[in-house]
Structure formats: structure tokens, C-alpha cells
Amino acid sequence: MADEYFLLVCDDVPHDVVLSDPGVRVMDVVQVVRRLTGLSLWRSKVLATRVPAVLLAGVPEEDAAAAVSALRDAGARAETRERPEPDLPER
């Protein structure tokens, strides 16, 4: 049986939210990470201090931009990255 692959084409390319530096107000950033991810306070702190860390993966561009804005308001350095297209085998 042959494997078939389908590439879905959509208008919105998924984005990742990457935290590169929590800054000096770490606990403020941890609270934002907790709100964005739904993780416990302890897990949010671990995630925020092990940088670079992907906080959100495969979210729409608007959600990613809002998350980065909230992180920057808390004093962190964060960015959005477009998810790379999957490598599909040639037919």
C-alpha cells in the first residue's frame, strides 16, 4: 500500500512563540507564561528560566503576536517564528 501525503494550504501560517530572555522581572514573566500555557506556577518558572524556550507552538499569527506583546510588557525578550513547512517525500 502506497503512502499518500496531503499538504493543507491555509491563509494563516502557524507560528511559535519563543522566549529568549526572561529579563529582570522573572516572576512577572512567570505569571504571563502561566496564563498563556495553563501550566502550574512551578512548571511555568522552570520553563521561563530555561531559555530559549518555545512557549506556544503552532498558534495563529494574531495569538502569537498578543503573547509576545504580553511577555514584552512583563520585561521579557520574546519573538514569533513561522513554523517551517514539513519535508514531504517527492512522488
Foldseek 3Di string as FASTA:
>chain_A
DDDDDDDDDDDFFFKWKWFAWQADLLLQLLVLLCVLQVDDSVVSSVQRVPPRHTSDTRHGPVSNVVSQVSSVVSPTHMDMDGDDDDDDDDD
